[in-house]
Protein backbone atom coordinates (compact mmCIF):
# COMPACT_ATOMS: atom_id res chain seq x y z
CA MET A 1 176.77 64.47 -73.94
CA ILE A 2 176.44 65.18 -77.55
CA GLN A 3 173.53 66.91 -79.10
CA GLU A 4 171.89 64.35 -80.81
CA THR A 5 170.31 65.49 -84.08
CA MET A 6 169.39 61.79 -85.79
CA THR A 7 167.33 59.33 -84.76
CA SER A 8 169.12 55.36 -83.80
CA GLU A 9 167.80 53.92 -87.29
CA GLU A 10 169.50 56.86 -88.65
CA ARG A 11 172.81 56.75 -87.03
CA ILE A 12 173.04 53.39 -87.59
CA MET A 13 172.47 53.79 -91.10
CA ALA A 14 174.80 57.14 -91.57
CA ALA A 15 177.97 54.54 -90.24
CA ILE A 16 177.05 51.71 -92.52
CA ASN A 17 176.79 54.02 -95.28
CA LEU A 18 180.02 55.04 -94.72
CA GLU A 19 178.47 58.51 -93.83
CA LYS A 20 179.50 60.50 -90.53
CA PRO A 21 177.17 60.41 -87.76
CA ASP A 22 175.81 62.86 -85.35
CA ARG A 23 178.00 60.40 -82.79
CA VAL A 24 179.23 57.06 -82.84
CA PRO A 25 175.82 54.09 -83.24
CA ILE A 26 176.32 51.84 -80.27
CA ALA A 27 175.48 48.56 -81.10
CA PHE A 28 176.38 45.27 -78.97
CA LEU A 29 175.28 41.79 -78.32
CA LEU A 30 173.74 41.37 -74.76
CA ASP A 31 172.82 38.30 -73.63
CA SER A 32 170.16 37.51 -71.11
CA ALA A 33 172.41 35.85 -68.48
CA PRO A 34 175.09 38.57 -68.60
CA ALA A 35 172.10 41.36 -68.60
CA ALA A 36 171.10 39.68 -65.57
CA ARG A 37 174.12 39.71 -63.76
CA LEU A 38 174.63 43.64 -64.40
CA LEU A 39 171.30 44.06 -62.98
CA GLY A 40 172.25 41.78 -59.80
CA LEU A 41 169.99 39.22 -60.66
CA LYS A 42 170.63 35.13 -60.77
CA SER A 43 170.79 34.44 -64.75
CA TRP A 44 169.90 30.75 -64.05
CA GLU A 45 166.60 32.15 -62.08
CA ILE A 46 165.30 34.09 -64.94
CA ALA A 47 166.03 31.20 -67.68
CA ALA A 48 164.25 28.85 -65.49
CA GLN A 49 161.39 31.51 -65.90
CA GLY A 50 161.01 30.50 -69.58
CA LEU A 51 161.49 32.68 -73.00
CA GLY A 52 159.36 36.08 -72.03
CA ALA A 53 161.95 36.06 -68.70
CA GLN A 54 164.96 36.57 -70.95
CA LEU A 55 163.48 39.22 -73.09
CA ASP A 56 162.22 41.22 -70.09
CA VAL A 57 165.70 40.62 -68.25
CA LEU A 58 167.18 42.44 -71.53
CA LEU A 59 164.87 45.43 -71.92
CA GLU A 60 164.97 46.07 -68.04
CA ALA A 61 168.88 46.08 -68.83
CA PHE A 62 168.31 48.74 -71.50
CA ASP A 63 166.06 51.03 -69.43
CA ALA A 64 168.25 50.93 -66.52
CA PHE A 65 171.47 52.15 -68.39
CA GLY A 66 169.84 54.64 -70.72
CA GLY A 67 169.93 52.50 -73.79
CA TRP A 68 172.02 52.15 -76.94
CA ASP A 69 171.29 52.42 -80.56
CA ALA A 70 170.49 48.50 -81.55
CA VAL A 71 169.47 45.50 -79.61
CA ASN A 72 169.39 41.82 -80.29
CA PRO A 73 167.09 39.73 -79.41
CA PRO A 74 167.39 37.18 -76.33
CA LEU A 75 169.32 33.99 -77.50
CA PRO A 76 168.07 31.35 -75.26
CA PRO A 77 169.43 27.68 -75.30
CA GLU A 78 165.82 26.92 -77.30
CA ILE A 79 166.69 28.66 -80.05
CA PHE A 80 169.91 26.84 -80.53
CA GLU A 81 167.91 23.48 -80.23
CA LEU A 82 165.54 24.18 -83.09
CA ASN A 83 168.40 25.17 -85.34
CA GLY A 84 170.22 21.31 -84.02
CA LEU A 85 172.52 22.61 -81.91
CA LYS A 86 172.99 20.97 -78.71
CA THR A 87 173.21 23.25 -75.56
CA LYS A 88 172.98 23.80 -72.02
CA SER A 89 171.00 26.05 -69.81
CA PRO A 90 172.19 28.80 -67.38
CA SER A 91 172.92 27.03 -63.30
CA GLU A 92 174.46 28.95 -60.12
CA ASP A 93 177.33 26.50 -61.38
CA SER A 94 177.78 27.49 -65.00
CA PRO A 95 175.41 30.63 -65.41
CA GLU A 96 175.76 31.02 -69.07
CA ASN A 97 173.75 29.86 -72.18
CA GLN A 98 175.94 27.64 -73.70
CA ILE A 99 176.56 25.76 -77.26
CA LEU A 100 177.89 22.48 -76.39
CA GLU A 101 179.93 21.39 -79.81
CA ALA A 102 178.81 17.80 -80.62
CA GLU A 103 178.78 15.34 -83.32
CA VAL A 104 174.99 15.05 -83.77
CA TRP A 105 174.77 13.87 -87.25
CA SER A 106 177.24 11.36 -89.67
CA PRO A 107 178.83 11.70 -92.72
CA ASP A 108 176.29 9.16 -94.22
CA GLU A 109 173.64 11.75 -93.71
CA TYR A 110 175.14 14.63 -95.99
CA ASP A 111 173.09 12.93 -98.78
CA LEU A 112 169.94 13.33 -96.93
CA LEU A 113 170.49 16.86 -95.98
CA ALA A 114 170.89 17.77 -99.68
CA GLU A 115 167.82 15.73 -100.41
CA ILE A 116 165.30 16.65 -97.70
CA GLY A 117 166.71 20.54 -97.14
CA TYR A 118 168.03 21.81 -93.68
CA GLU A 119 164.29 22.54 -92.03
CA ARG A 120 163.33 19.15 -92.36
CA PHE A 121 166.83 17.73 -91.70
CA VAL A 122 166.44 19.74 -88.23
CA THR A 123 163.14 19.19 -87.51
CA GLU A 124 162.73 15.72 -88.21
CA HIS A 125 166.15 14.25 -87.15
CA LEU A 126 168.56 16.96 -85.78
CA VAL A 127 166.25 18.39 -82.84
CA TYR A 128 164.98 15.38 -81.00
CA ARG A 129 168.94 14.25 -80.93
CA VAL A 130 170.06 17.56 -79.19
CA SER A 131 166.81 18.10 -76.87
CA GLU A 132 164.43 16.80 -74.61
CA LEU A 133 161.51 17.60 -77.08
CA THR A 134 160.03 13.71 -78.54
CA ARG A 135 157.24 14.73 -80.45
CA ALA A 136 156.61 17.07 -83.92
CA GLU A 137 153.61 19.07 -81.62
CA GLN A 138 156.44 19.89 -79.27
CA VAL A 139 158.57 21.23 -81.93
CA ASP A 140 156.07 23.09 -83.34
CA SER A 141 155.18 24.58 -79.86
CA LEU A 142 158.21 25.94 -79.12
CA SER A 143 158.68 27.51 -82.48
CA THR A 144 155.51 29.32 -82.36
CA GLU A 145 156.10 30.35 -78.59
CA TRP A 146 159.51 31.68 -80.37
CA LEU A 147 157.70 33.62 -82.66
CA THR A 148 155.59 35.59 -80.59
CA LEU A 149 158.64 36.69 -78.38
CA LEU A 150 160.75 37.68 -81.40
CA ALA A 151 157.32 40.23 -82.70
CA LYS A 152 157.28 41.35 -78.75
CA PHE A 153 161.37 42.06 -79.50
CA LEU A 154 160.77 43.92 -82.47
CA GLU A 155 157.58 46.03 -81.14
CA ASP A 156 159.41 46.79 -77.51
CA VAL A 157 162.65 47.78 -79.49
CA LYS A 158 161.17 50.20 -81.67
CA GLY A 159 158.82 51.54 -78.82
CA ARG A 160 162.10 52.49 -76.93
CA GLY A 161 163.70 54.46 -80.16
CA ALA A 162 166.29 51.74 -80.88
CA ILE A 163 166.19 49.46 -83.50
CA PRO A 164 166.44 45.49 -83.91
CA TYR A 165 170.34 44.58 -84.36
CA PHE A 166 168.73 42.05 -86.01
CA PRO A 167 165.25 40.12 -85.81
CA THR A 168 166.64 36.73 -85.49
CA TRP A 169 169.98 34.46 -84.92
CA ALA A 170 171.39 32.81 -87.91
CA VAL A 171 174.53 30.95 -88.08
CA HIS A 172 176.25 30.33 -91.90
CA PRO A 173 175.67 27.45 -93.12
CA PHE A 174 179.02 26.50 -93.23
CA PHE A 175 179.68 27.18 -89.68
CA TRP A 176 175.94 25.38 -88.49
CA MET A 177 177.54 22.15 -90.50
CA SER A 178 180.89 22.90 -88.35
CA LEU A 179 178.77 22.64 -84.88
CA THR A 180 176.54 20.20 -85.69
CA ARG A 181 179.37 17.40 -87.12
CA SER A 182 182.01 18.98 -84.63
CA MET A 183 184.81 20.82 -86.05
CA VAL A 184 187.20 18.15 -86.13
CA LYS A 185 184.87 15.73 -87.83
CA PHE A 186 183.52 18.50 -90.29
CA THR A 187 187.22 19.23 -91.24
CA GLU A 188 187.91 15.42 -91.85
CA ASP A 189 185.13 16.03 -94.04
CA LEU A 190 186.31 18.88 -95.78
CA TYR A 191 189.50 17.10 -96.86
CA TYR A 192 188.00 13.34 -97.33
CA ARG A 193 184.36 14.00 -98.36
CA PRO A 194 184.68 17.12 -100.05
CA ASP A 195 182.25 16.52 -102.75
CA LYS A 196 179.78 16.17 -100.42
CA VAL A 197 180.13 18.95 -98.22
CA GLU A 198 180.01 21.16 -101.66
CA LYS A 199 176.84 19.22 -102.83
CA ALA A 200 175.31 19.87 -99.31
CA MET A 201 176.04 23.23 -99.12
CA LYS A 202 174.78 24.57 -102.89
CA ALA A 203 171.54 22.88 -101.44
CA LEU A 204 171.49 24.55 -98.14
CA VAL A 205 172.13 28.18 -98.99
CA PRO A 206 169.87 29.13 -101.48
CA VAL A 207 166.99 27.66 -99.18
CA TRP A 208 168.96 29.74 -96.15
CA ILE A 209 168.80 32.72 -98.22
CA GLU A 210 164.93 32.49 -99.14
CA THR A 211 164.36 31.95 -95.15
CA ALA A 212 166.21 34.59 -93.96
CA VAL A 213 165.29 37.29 -96.55
CA GLY A 214 161.53 36.42 -95.65
CA ILE A 215 161.95 36.99 -92.15
CA ALA A 216 163.42 40.40 -92.83
CA LYS A 217 160.78 41.35 -95.14
CA ALA A 218 158.54 40.27 -92.36
CA SER A 219 159.95 41.62 -89.75
CA GLY A 220 160.71 44.86 -91.83
CA ALA A 221 164.76 44.43 -90.77
CA LYS A 222 166.96 46.48 -93.04
CA ILE A 223 169.88 44.24 -90.83
CA MET A 224 170.42 40.74 -90.93
CA GLU A 225 172.86 38.57 -88.91
CA CYS A 226 175.26 35.99 -90.13
CA THR A 227 177.52 34.46 -87.81
CA GLU A 228 181.05 32.79 -88.58
CA GLU A 229 183.67 31.76 -86.57
CA ARG A 230 185.68 29.10 -88.49
CA ALA A 231 186.16 29.89 -92.21
CA GLY A 232 188.75 32.30 -92.15
CA CYS A 233 192.51 31.34 -92.60
CA PHE A 234 193.24 31.46 -88.50
CA PHE A 235 191.59 28.03 -89.02
CA TYR A 236 191.58 26.80 -92.78
CA PRO A 237 194.28 27.66 -95.81
CA MET A 238 192.62 29.95 -98.79
CA GLU A 239 191.41 27.09 -100.71
CA ILE A 240 189.16 25.84 -98.04
CA PHE A 241 187.75 29.42 -97.60
CA GLU A 242 187.52 30.13 -101.33
CA ARG A 243 185.84 26.82 -102.29
CA PHE A 244 183.34 26.17 -99.63
CA TRP A 245 182.93 29.98 -97.96
CA TRP A 246 183.04 32.29 -99.96
CA PRO A 247 181.05 31.94 -102.97
CA TYR A 248 178.43 31.05 -101.08
CA THR A 249 178.94 34.24 -98.88
CA MET A 250 178.65 36.36 -102.05
CA ASP A 251 175.30 34.72 -102.78
CA ILE A 252 174.38 35.59 -99.51
CA VAL A 253 174.93 39.59 -99.67
CA ASP A 254 173.62 39.80 -102.86
CA ALA A 255 170.59 38.39 -102.24
CA PHE A 256 170.39 40.95 -99.48
CA TRP A 257 171.91 43.92 -100.89
CA SER A 258 169.19 43.19 -103.90
CA GLU A 259 166.25 43.63 -101.02
CA GLY A 260 168.04 46.51 -99.13
CA ILE A 261 169.29 44.55 -96.75
CA VAL A 262 172.69 45.03 -94.75
CA THR A 263 174.56 41.91 -94.02
CA VAL A 264 176.08 42.11 -90.58
CA PHE A 265 178.99 39.21 -90.45
CA HIS A 266 179.78 38.45 -86.94
CA LEU A 267 183.48 36.78 -87.75
CA ASP A 268 184.54 35.62 -84.49
CA GLN A 269 188.74 34.65 -84.68
CA CYS A 270 191.29 36.34 -86.82
CA TRP A 271 190.25 37.25 -90.32
CA ASP A 272 193.45 39.40 -91.07
CA LYS A 273 194.37 37.39 -94.26
CA ASN A 274 190.78 37.28 -95.32
CA LEU A 275 189.97 40.99 -95.16
CA PRO A 276 190.57 42.08 -98.78
CA TYR A 277 188.14 39.42 -100.36
CA PHE A 278 185.44 41.62 -98.98
CA LYS A 279 186.38 44.28 -101.06
CA GLN A 280 184.57 42.69 -103.58
CA LEU A 281 181.52 43.35 -101.98
CA PRO A 282 179.07 45.96 -103.00
CA LYS A 283 180.07 49.15 -100.70
CA GLY A 284 177.96 49.80 -97.77
CA SER A 285 176.24 46.42 -98.25
CA VAL A 286 177.86 44.42 -94.97
CA VAL A 287 179.33 45.36 -91.68
CA LEU A 288 182.18 43.11 -90.43
CA ASP A 289 181.62 42.89 -86.78
CA LEU A 290 185.18 41.89 -85.01
CA ASP A 291 185.97 40.06 -82.26
CA GLY A 292 189.68 41.51 -80.95
CA CYS A 293 191.42 38.96 -83.24
CA THR A 294 191.32 40.30 -86.35
CA ASP A 295 193.40 43.32 -86.41
CA ILE A 296 190.35 46.31 -86.51
CA PHE A 297 192.62 49.12 -87.55
CA ALA A 298 194.16 47.15 -89.86
CA ALA A 299 191.05 46.08 -91.28
CA LYS A 300 190.30 50.26 -91.55
CA GLU A 301 193.15 50.67 -93.82
CA VAL A 302 191.93 47.88 -95.82
CA LEU A 303 187.98 48.17 -96.01
CA GLY A 304 187.64 51.96 -94.42
CA ASN A 305 186.13 53.32 -97.63
CA HIS A 306 184.07 50.40 -98.55
CA LEU A 307 182.28 48.21 -95.68
CA CYS A 308 181.44 49.63 -92.40
CA LEU A 309 183.16 47.76 -89.16
CA GLY A 310 181.72 46.83 -85.90
CA GLY A 311 183.84 46.05 -82.60
CA ASP A 312 185.95 45.14 -80.75
CA ILE A 313 186.01 46.02 -76.89
CA HIS A 314 187.76 43.36 -75.23
CA PRO A 315 186.00 40.99 -73.05
CA THR A 316 188.92 41.32 -70.71
CA LEU A 317 188.89 44.66 -70.58
CA LEU A 318 185.43 44.68 -69.78
CA SER A 319 185.91 42.21 -66.85
CA ILE A 320 188.85 43.00 -65.30
CA GLY A 321 189.69 46.12 -66.92
CA THR A 322 188.59 50.17 -65.16
CA PRO A 323 186.43 52.37 -66.78
CA GLU A 324 189.60 54.82 -67.59
CA GLU A 325 190.70 51.91 -69.88
CA VAL A 326 187.54 51.14 -71.41
CA GLU A 327 186.51 54.49 -72.25
CA ALA A 328 190.35 55.17 -73.67
CA TYR A 329 189.96 51.95 -75.81
CA CYS A 330 186.62 53.35 -77.07
CA ARG A 331 188.36 56.70 -78.02
CA ARG A 332 190.70 55.10 -79.80
CA LEU A 333 188.13 53.54 -81.82
CA ILE A 334 186.36 56.48 -82.52
CA ASP A 335 189.25 58.29 -83.15
CA GLU A 336 190.84 56.01 -85.54
CA VAL A 337 188.16 53.82 -86.88
CA GLY A 338 185.11 55.91 -86.46
CA TYR A 339 186.82 59.27 -87.31
CA ASN A 340 184.75 59.46 -90.63
CA GLY A 341 181.82 57.01 -89.96
CA GLY A 342 181.93 53.44 -90.54
CA LEU A 343 182.09 52.18 -87.34
CA LEU A 344 179.25 50.78 -84.91
CA LEU A 345 180.66 51.03 -81.44
CA ASN A 346 180.55 47.28 -80.03
CA VAL A 347 182.14 45.01 -78.10
CA GLY A 348 184.72 41.37 -79.09
CA CYS A 349 181.86 38.89 -79.84
CA MET A 350 179.75 39.23 -77.14
CA ILE A 351 178.86 41.97 -73.52
CA PRO A 352 180.59 38.70 -71.47
CA TYR A 353 179.04 37.81 -68.08
CA GLN A 354 181.93 38.81 -65.62
CA THR A 355 181.30 42.59 -67.20
CA LYS A 356 181.70 44.90 -64.64
CA PRO A 357 178.48 47.51 -64.55
CA GLU A 358 180.67 50.65 -64.31
CA ASN A 359 182.72 49.12 -67.57
CA PHE A 360 179.19 48.55 -69.49
CA GLU A 361 178.27 52.47 -68.77
CA ALA A 362 181.91 53.30 -69.38
CA ILE A 363 180.95 52.34 -72.75
CA LEU A 364 177.81 53.92 -73.05
CA ASN A 365 178.77 57.02 -71.57
CA THR A 366 181.93 57.38 -74.13
CA GLY A 367 179.75 56.56 -77.11
CA LYS A 368 177.28 59.26 -76.26
CA SER A 369 179.55 62.09 -75.20
CA TYR A 370 182.98 61.63 -77.39
CA GLN A 371 183.61 63.31 -80.48
CA PRO A 372 186.12 61.86 -82.74
CA CYS A 373 189.49 64.18 -83.03
CA GLY A 374 189.61 65.66 -86.82
CA ARG A 375 191.33 63.68 -89.29
């Protein structure tokens, strides 16, 4: 193992600041279902025990495998439902937490969304359409339980010498509308009701920023996550990206950066054509967390001296590959992307449920023991 001279926080921030850390920082998304499977437990039984059990199994996996640098909070169905998203809890036949995309509000409600705001729109309308909750008191109780769990998460992670990868899950307003309208209907809206979508975005984003900054300040977080899977050119032409995503994204980054907060964009799907836009953002203000669809090595060429990259060990490699193959790809990432800093060693999207424990260990062992070749 490499002789470590930095704390996890120092290591993460060095990489984000495009400085060379003592070793590559390890920061990936691990949900409670794959964590349970890595430990030989049944994910559906853990989920049935409640929110606390899902946090406990994440921390148990952290301890069992020797830890890593940045840890995400649990991502249970309940937190997605509180954001107006339809979900499916783990079962023996379907052992992972899932978001079920559905059309849960109509185009006639864009004006209502813009008028009353995201929080009221979700808590007064959507949450009852996507969950079994029937009363405001139940929503308040679940929200309080979730906030209590997050406080425990922050304390437990810091007590283990790691840092929270982010204090709570957040989704870009564009992606949230796509998920809750459904992608097909939202795409129709972008073309047939663009003014309504734009009006909603203009109303949503400032409140989204205010809430996220408040969470970061309350938790002491230096990193906030923002998930987006659909705004890139894999799905939409550049004029959609430029009108409905990029201006609001710059506002999000600027607001976070002014408070000393780095934005981690969890970008699934292919963003190859969109990468040059990110050079407009302040240097070191963002991490682009890529999932294997975007060419991370090309991204290094475009953004390597400007922004940190996260990724991008392929889920199939972890599920059906060998430890030797995982190690080889990790070494390539460290050599070609992280040789001068600017890399958080991560997986493509999340640790998949079918990950072999020996492949999971290979990530950790390689990250903690391999120094990049000089360039």
